[in-house]
Amino acid sequence: METIRSFIAIDLPDEIRTELGELQKSLKAGAQNYVKWVSPDSIHLTLKFLGDIAPDKIEAITGAIRESVENIPPFVLQIKGLGVFPNLKRIQIIWVGLTGNLESLQRIQKNIEENLAIIDYPEETREFTPHLTLGRVRFQPPPNELQKFGQLLTSTNFESTFKIGVDSINIMKSQLTPRGPIYTSLGSVNFRRL
C-alpha cells in the first residue's frame, strides 16, 4: 500500500513568512554555504511528525485532532527571538521562538500526542519546544566560522510585528524532492467558537 509522509502543523500568515524571509537574508551573509535555509513558503509550526501513514488513516487522525482542540478557543501567538538546537558550539537547527498563549499551544500539542497514541501513533519522547525552523546546518564549519555565526545569531534581535491567529490545525503531506520538500494540506480542523 502506498503511504504518505505527513505531519501536523499550524500554518503561518503570509506577512510573517515575508518577515522570516528577510531575517534569513540578513543571516545568510554570516552562514556561507553550510546552512540549508528553509524556503519561507514552507515554514510552519510543527506539532507532530507522523512519518509515513496509510491514506485510510487520515480520517482517524483528523478525528484525533478534532478531539484535541474540542474545548480550546482560538488564540494568538507571536514570534520573538532566535535560537539553535542543540547549542551554539554544535549548531544543527536555527530557529525563531514563539510567545503569546503558549499554554493553549502546549495543551493542544499534548492532547494530540495522547489522542494519536490511542490509534497507534507513539508519543514523542522529546519535550515539545515550540519553534519555527529557519535553516539546518549541513556540515560543521571550522570553529572560527561557527563562532562568528554564533555571535551573529546572539546579536540579532528579532520580533515580528504580526500575530499568528491560531484557529485551525492542518494535516500536511510532505513530498521530498531534490529542490526541497513540497507541502500540501491533506485536511484541516477548525476550532469551534466557544
C-alpha atoms as a PDB file:
ATOM      1  CA  MET A   1       0.000   0.000   0.000  1.00  0.00           C
ATOM      2  CA  GLU A   2       1.256   3.469  -0.850  1.00  0.00           C
ATOM      3  CA  THR A   3       1.947   5.687   2.150  1.00  0.00           C
ATOM      4  CA  ILE A   4       2.021   9.457   2.660  1.00  0.00           C
ATOM      5  CA  ARG A   5       4.832  11.200   4.554  1.00  0.00           C
ATOM      6  CA  SER A   6       2.971  13.600   6.811  1.00  0.00           C
ATOM      7  CA  PHE A   7       2.914  15.846   9.854  1.00  0.00           C
ATOM      8  CA  ILE A   8       0.502  18.001  11.877  1.00  0.00           C
ATOM      9  CA  ALA A   9       1.100  21.752  11.851  1.00  0.00           C
ATOM     10  CA  ILE A  10      -0.182  25.295  12.273  1.00  0.00           C
ATOM     11  CA  ASP A  11       0.073  27.456   9.168  1.00  0.00           C
ATOM     12  CA  LEU A  12       1.523  30.984   9.188  1.00  0.00           C
ATOM     13  CA  PRO A  13       0.190  34.229   7.708  1.00  0.00           C
ATOM     14  CA  ASP A  14       1.961  35.436   4.544  1.00  0.00           C
ATOM     15  CA  GLU A  15       3.175  38.606   6.317  1.00  0.00           C
ATOM     16  CA  ILE A  16       5.124  36.518   8.813  1.00  0.00           C
ATOM     17  CA  ARG A  17       6.619  34.347   6.053  1.00  0.00           C
ATOM     18  CA  THR A  18       7.829  37.563   4.365  1.00  0.00           C
ATOM     19  CA  GLU A  19       9.425  38.784   7.617  1.00  0.00           C
ATOM     20  CA  LEU A  20      11.107  35.416   8.154  1.00  0.00           C
ATOM     21  CA  GLY A  21      12.474  35.562   4.596  1.00  0.00           C
ATOM     22  CA  GLU A  22      14.002  38.978   5.344  1.00  0.00           C
ATOM     23  CA  LEU A  23      15.510  37.628   8.565  1.00  0.00           C
ATOM     24  CA  GLN A  24      17.030  34.707   6.657  1.00  0.00           C
ATOM     25  CA  LYS A  25      18.606  37.118   4.147  1.00  0.00           C
ATOM     26  CA  SER A  26      20.322  39.014   6.962  1.00  0.00           C
ATOM     27  CA  LEU A  27      21.647  35.735   8.455  1.00  0.00           C
ATOM     28  CA  LYS A  28      22.773  34.193   5.149  1.00  0.00           C
ATOM     29  CA  ALA A  29      25.700  36.585   4.855  1.00  0.00           C
ATOM     30  CA  GLY A  30      27.198  35.082   8.011  1.00  0.00           C
ATOM     31  CA  ALA A  31      26.451  31.438   7.233  1.00  0.00           C
ATOM     32  CA  GLN A  32      28.371  30.971   3.979  1.00  0.00           C
ATOM     33  CA  ASN A  33      27.364  27.665   2.377  1.00  0.00           C
ATOM     34  CA  TYR A  34      26.976  25.321   5.333  1.00  0.00           C
ATOM     35  CA  VAL A  35      23.344  26.168   6.166  1.00  0.00           C
ATOM     36  CA  LYS A  36      20.420  24.913   4.093  1.00  0.00           C
ATOM     37  CA  TRP A  37      17.726  27.551   4.572  1.00  0.00           C
ATOM     38  CA  VAL A  38      14.053  26.574   4.649  1.00  0.00           C
ATOM     39  CA  SER A  39      12.016  28.315   1.956  1.00  0.00           C
ATOM     40  CA  PRO A  40       9.836  30.948   3.710  1.00  0.00           C
ATOM     41  CA  ASP A  41       6.787  29.451   1.938  1.00  0.00           C
ATOM     42  CA  SER A  42       7.490  26.136   3.706  1.00  0.00           C
ATOM     43  CA  ILE A  43       7.959  27.447   7.254  1.00  0.00           C
ATOM     44  CA  HIS A  44       5.244  26.234   9.646  1.00  0.00           C
ATOM     45  CA  LEU A  45       4.769  25.336  13.306  1.00  0.00           C
ATOM     46  CA  THR A  46       5.034  21.551  13.548  1.00  0.00           C
ATOM     47  CA  LEU A  47       3.014  19.948  16.344  1.00  0.00           C
ATOM     48  CA  LYS A  48       3.781  16.311  15.464  1.00  0.00           C
ATOM     49  CA  PHE A  49       5.670  14.469  12.742  1.00  0.00           C
ATOM     50  CA  LEU A  50       3.688  11.376  11.753  1.00  0.00           C
ATOM     51  CA  GLY A  51       6.061   9.788   9.244  1.00  0.00           C
ATOM     52  CA  ASP A  52       4.625   7.514   6.574  1.00  0.00           C
ATOM     53  CA  ILE A  53       0.894   6.955   7.046  1.00  0.00           C
ATOM     54  CA  ALA A  54      -1.654   4.937   5.104  1.00  0.00           C
ATOM     55  CA  PRO A  55      -4.194   7.158   3.283  1.00  0.00           C
ATOM     56  CA  ASP A  56      -7.065   5.387   5.053  1.00  0.00           C
ATOM     57  CA  LYS A  57      -5.742   6.669   8.421  1.00  0.00           C
ATOM     58  CA  ILE A  58      -6.331  10.350   7.591  1.00  0.00           C
ATOM     59  CA  GLU A  59      -9.925  10.260   8.834  1.00  0.00           C
ATOM     60  CA  ALA A  60      -8.916   8.784  12.223  1.00  0.00           C
ATOM     61  CA  ILE A  61      -6.063  11.301  12.565  1.00  0.00           C
ATOM     62  CA  THR A  62      -8.465  14.150  11.748  1.00  0.00           C
ATOM     63  CA  GLY A  63     -10.822  12.851  14.442  1.00  0.00           C
ATOM     64  CA  ALA A  64      -7.992  12.758  16.985  1.00  0.00           C
ATOM     65  CA  ILE A  65      -7.074  16.370  16.160  1.00  0.00           C
ATOM     66  CA  ARG A  66     -10.726  17.466  16.372  1.00  0.00           C
ATOM     67  CA  GLU A  67     -10.951  15.896  19.838  1.00  0.00           C
ATOM     68  CA  SER A  68      -7.661  17.602  20.819  1.00  0.00           C
ATOM     69  CA  VAL A  69      -8.994  21.111  20.155  1.00  0.00           C
ATOM     70  CA  GLU A  70     -12.538  20.402  21.400  1.00  0.00           C
ATOM     71  CA  ASN A  71     -12.599  22.830  24.350  1.00  0.00           C
ATOM     72  CA  ILE A  72      -9.875  25.248  23.296  1.00  0.00           C
ATOM     73  CA  PRO A  73     -10.888  28.595  21.794  1.00  0.00           C
ATOM     74  CA  PRO A  74      -8.821  30.292  19.060  1.00  0.00           C
ATOM     75  CA  PHE A  75      -5.738  32.046  20.439  1.00  0.00           C
ATOM     76  CA  VAL A  76      -2.814  34.238  19.380  1.00  0.00           C
ATOM     77  CA  LEU A  77       0.930  33.612  19.128  1.00  0.00           C
ATOM     78  CA  GLN A  78       3.788  35.935  18.255  1.00  0.00           C
ATOM     79  CA  ILE A  79       7.308  35.322  17.018  1.00  0.00           C
ATOM     80  CA  LYS A  80      10.246  36.519  19.049  1.00  0.00           C
ATOM     81  CA  GLY A  81      13.929  35.700  19.370  1.00  0.00           C
ATOM     82  CA  LEU A  82      16.417  33.411  17.667  1.00  0.00           C
ATOM     83  CA  GLY A  83      17.734  30.084  18.920  1.00  0.00           C
ATOM     84  CA  VAL A  84      19.588  26.950  17.905  1.00  0.00           C
ATOM     85  CA  PHE A  85      19.462  23.224  18.601  1.00  0.00           C
ATOM     86  CA  PRO A  86      21.320  21.712  20.373  1.00  0.00           C
ATOM     87  CA  ASN A  87      23.659  24.622  21.300  1.00  0.00           C
ATOM     88  CA  LEU A  88      25.958  27.327  19.882  1.00  0.00           C
ATOM     89  CA  LYS A  89      29.010  25.044  19.964  1.00  0.00           C
ATOM     90  CA  ARG A  90      27.317  22.471  17.714  1.00  0.00           C
ATOM     91  CA  ILE A  91      24.582  24.215  15.736  1.00  0.00           C
ATOM     92  CA  GLN A  92      22.264  21.864  13.824  1.00  0.00           C
ATOM     93  CA  ILE A  93      18.993  23.819  13.602  1.00  0.00           C
ATOM     94  CA  ILE A  94      18.451  27.600  13.504  1.00  0.00           C
ATOM     95  CA  TRP A  95      15.008  28.701  14.659  1.00  0.00           C
ATOM     96  CA  VAL A  96      12.815  31.551  15.849  1.00  0.00           C
ATOM     97  CA  GLY A  97      10.855  31.221  19.060  1.00  0.00           C
ATOM     98  CA  LEU A  98       7.246  31.919  19.974  1.00  0.00           C
ATOM     99  CA  THR A  99       5.479  33.923  22.648  1.00  0.00           C
ATOM    100  CA  GLY A 100       1.804  34.563  23.354  1.00  0.00           C
ATOM    101  CA  ASN A 101      -0.680  31.970  24.517  1.00  0.00           C
ATOM    102  CA  LEU A 102       1.838  29.122  24.808  1.00  0.00           C
ATOM    103  CA  GLU A 103      -0.340  27.438  27.433  1.00  0.00           C
ATOM    104  CA  SER A 104      -3.075  26.688  24.872  1.00  0.00           C
ATOM    105  CA  LEU A 105      -0.478  25.626  22.310  1.00  0.00           C
ATOM    106  CA  GLN A 106       1.177  23.227  24.770  1.00  0.00           C
ATOM    107  CA  ARG A 107      -2.209  21.828  25.767  1.00  0.00           C
ATOM    108  CA  ILE A 108      -3.209  21.159  22.161  1.00  0.00           C
ATOM    109  CA  GLN A 109       0.112  19.516  21.375  1.00  0.00           C
ATOM    110  CA  LYS A 110      -0.148  17.291  24.469  1.00  0.00           C
ATOM    111  CA  ASN A 111      -3.760  16.397  23.576  1.00  0.00           C
ATOM    112  CA  ILE A 112      -2.693  15.489  20.026  1.00  0.00           C
ATOM    113  CA  GLU A 113       0.084  13.227  21.341  1.00  0.00           C
ATOM    114  CA  GLU A 114      -2.304  11.465  23.730  1.00  0.00           C
ATOM    115  CA  ASN A 115      -5.175  11.100  21.247  1.00  0.00           C
ATOM    116  CA  LEU A 116      -2.905   9.794  18.485  1.00  0.00           C
ATOM    117  CA  ALA A 117      -1.304   7.281  20.872  1.00  0.00           C
ATOM    118  CA  ILE A 118      -4.754   5.695  21.215  1.00  0.00           C
ATOM    119  CA  ILE A 119      -4.752   4.988  17.463  1.00  0.00           C
ATOM    120  CA  ASP A 120      -1.181   3.616  17.437  1.00  0.00           C
ATOM    121  CA  TYR A 121       0.970   6.687  16.800  1.00  0.00           C
ATOM    122  CA  PRO A 122       3.597   6.594  19.571  1.00  0.00           C
ATOM    123  CA  GLU A 123       4.035   9.661  21.751  1.00  0.00           C
ATOM    124  CA  GLU A 124       7.123  11.773  21.134  1.00  0.00           C
ATOM    125  CA  THR A 125       9.732  11.247  23.855  1.00  0.00           C
ATOM    126  CA  ARG A 126      11.394  14.664  23.444  1.00  0.00           C
ATOM    127  CA  GLU A 127       9.844  17.655  25.153  1.00  0.00           C
ATOM    128  CA  PHE A 128       7.855  19.908  22.809  1.00  0.00           C
ATOM    129  CA  THR A 129       9.726  23.179  22.170  1.00  0.00           C
ATOM    130  CA  PRO A 130       7.558  25.494  20.041  1.00  0.00           C
ATOM    131  CA  HIS A 131       9.699  26.957  17.252  1.00  0.00           C
ATOM    132  CA  LEU A 132       9.846  27.732  13.531  1.00  0.00           C
ATOM    133  CA  THR A 133      12.844  26.215  11.734  1.00  0.00           C
ATOM    134  CA  LEU A 134      14.738  28.722   9.581  1.00  0.00           C
ATOM    135  CA  GLY A 135      17.613  26.502   8.494  1.00  0.00           C
ATOM    136  CA  ARG A 136      19.644  23.338   9.076  1.00  0.00           C
ATOM    137  CA  VAL A 137      23.424  23.084   9.218  1.00  0.00           C
ATOM    138  CA  ARG A 138      24.554  20.629   6.529  1.00  0.00           C
ATOM    139  CA  PHE A 139      28.095  20.197   7.886  1.00  0.00           C
ATOM    140  CA  GLN A 140      30.028  21.661  10.775  1.00  0.00           C
ATOM    141  CA  PRO A 141      32.128  24.627   9.614  1.00  0.00           C
ATOM    142  CA  PRO A 142      35.584  25.447  11.014  1.00  0.00           C
ATOM    143  CA  PRO A 143      35.354  26.557  14.687  1.00  0.00           C
ATOM    144  CA  ASN A 144      36.185  30.208  13.919  1.00  0.00           C
ATOM    145  CA  GLU A 145      33.361  30.411  11.326  1.00  0.00           C
ATOM    146  CA  LEU A 146      30.923  28.733  13.694  1.00  0.00           C
ATOM    147  CA  GLN A 147      31.888  31.173  16.446  1.00  0.00           C
ATOM    148  CA  LYS A 148      31.310  34.175  14.134  1.00  0.00           C
ATOM    149  CA  PHE A 149      27.963  32.786  13.055  1.00  0.00           C
ATOM    150  CA  GLY A 150      27.011  32.151  16.704  1.00  0.00           C
ATOM    151  CA  GLN A 151      27.847  35.780  17.504  1.00  0.00           C
ATOM    152  CA  LEU A 152      25.671  36.938  14.601  1.00  0.00           C
ATOM    153  CA  LEU A 153      22.769  34.842  15.912  1.00  0.00           C
ATOM    154  CA  THR A 154      23.092  36.052  19.500  1.00  0.00           C
ATOM    155  CA  SER A 155      23.399  39.708  18.452  1.00  0.00           C
ATOM    156  CA  THR A 156      20.362  39.594  16.139  1.00  0.00           C
ATOM    157  CA  ASN A 157      17.176  40.744  17.862  1.00  0.00           C
ATOM    158  CA  PHE A 158      14.058  39.616  16.055  1.00  0.00           C
ATOM    159  CA  GLU A 159      10.430  40.221  16.918  1.00  0.00           C
ATOM    160  CA  SER A 160       7.630  40.045  14.385  1.00  0.00           C
ATOM    161  CA  THR A 161       5.194  42.928  14.157  1.00  0.00           C
ATOM    162  CA  PHE A 162       2.467  40.484  13.101  1.00  0.00           C
ATOM    163  CA  LYS A 163       0.464  37.986  15.112  1.00  0.00           C
ATOM    164  CA  ILE A 164      -0.423  34.351  14.357  1.00  0.00           C
ATOM    165  CA  GLY A 165      -4.132  33.800  14.916  1.00  0.00           C
ATOM    166  CA  VAL A 166      -4.441  30.090  15.686  1.00  0.00           C
ATOM    167  CA  ASP A 167      -7.902  28.840  14.769  1.00  0.00           C
ATOM    168  CA  SER A 168      -7.130  25.652  12.825  1.00  0.00           C
ATOM    169  CA  ILE A 169      -4.718  22.710  12.702  1.00  0.00           C
ATOM    170  CA  ASN A 170      -3.598  21.074   9.438  1.00  0.00           C
ATOM    171  CA  ILE A 171      -2.550  17.591   8.418  1.00  0.00           C
ATOM    172  CA  MET A 172       0.203  18.119   5.866  1.00  0.00           C
ATOM    173  CA  LYS A 173       1.715  15.914   3.195  1.00  0.00           C
ATOM    174  CA  SER A 174       5.488  16.240   2.804  1.00  0.00           C
ATOM    175  CA  GLN A 175       6.818  15.234  -0.593  1.00  0.00           C
ATOM    176  CA  LEU A 176      10.618  15.190  -0.701  1.00  0.00           C
ATOM    177  CA  THR A 177      12.171  16.478  -3.933  1.00  0.00           C
ATOM    178  CA  PRO A 178      15.754  17.372  -4.969  1.00  0.00           C
ATOM    179  CA  ARG A 179      14.837  21.074  -4.677  1.00  0.00           C
ATOM    180  CA  GLY A 180      13.381  20.672  -1.195  1.00  0.00           C
ATOM    181  CA  PRO A 181      10.129  19.404   0.315  1.00  0.00           C
ATOM    182  CA  ILE A 182       6.735  20.299  -1.140  1.00  0.00           C
ATOM    183  CA  TYR A 183       3.947  20.603   1.429  1.00  0.00           C
ATOM    184  CA  THR A 184       0.257  20.206   0.655  1.00  0.00           C
ATOM    185  CA  SER A 185      -2.702  20.080   3.005  1.00  0.00           C
ATOM    186  CA  LEU A 186      -4.477  16.744   3.475  1.00  0.00           C
ATOM    187  CA  GLY A 187      -7.116  18.300   5.699  1.00  0.00           C
ATOM    188  CA  SER A 188      -7.780  20.942   8.291  1.00  0.00           C
ATOM    189  CA  VAL A 189      -9.587  21.039  11.623  1.00  0.00           C
ATOM    190  CA  ASN A 190     -11.115  24.379  12.611  1.00  0.00           C
ATOM    191  CA  PHE A 191     -11.560  25.339  16.246  1.00  0.00           C
ATOM    192  CA  ARG A 192     -15.112  25.715  17.471  1.00  0.00           C
ATOM    193  CA  ARG A 193     -16.019  29.171  18.729  1.00  0.00           C
ATOM    194  CA  LEU A 194     -16.809  28.670  22.413  1.00  0.00           C
END
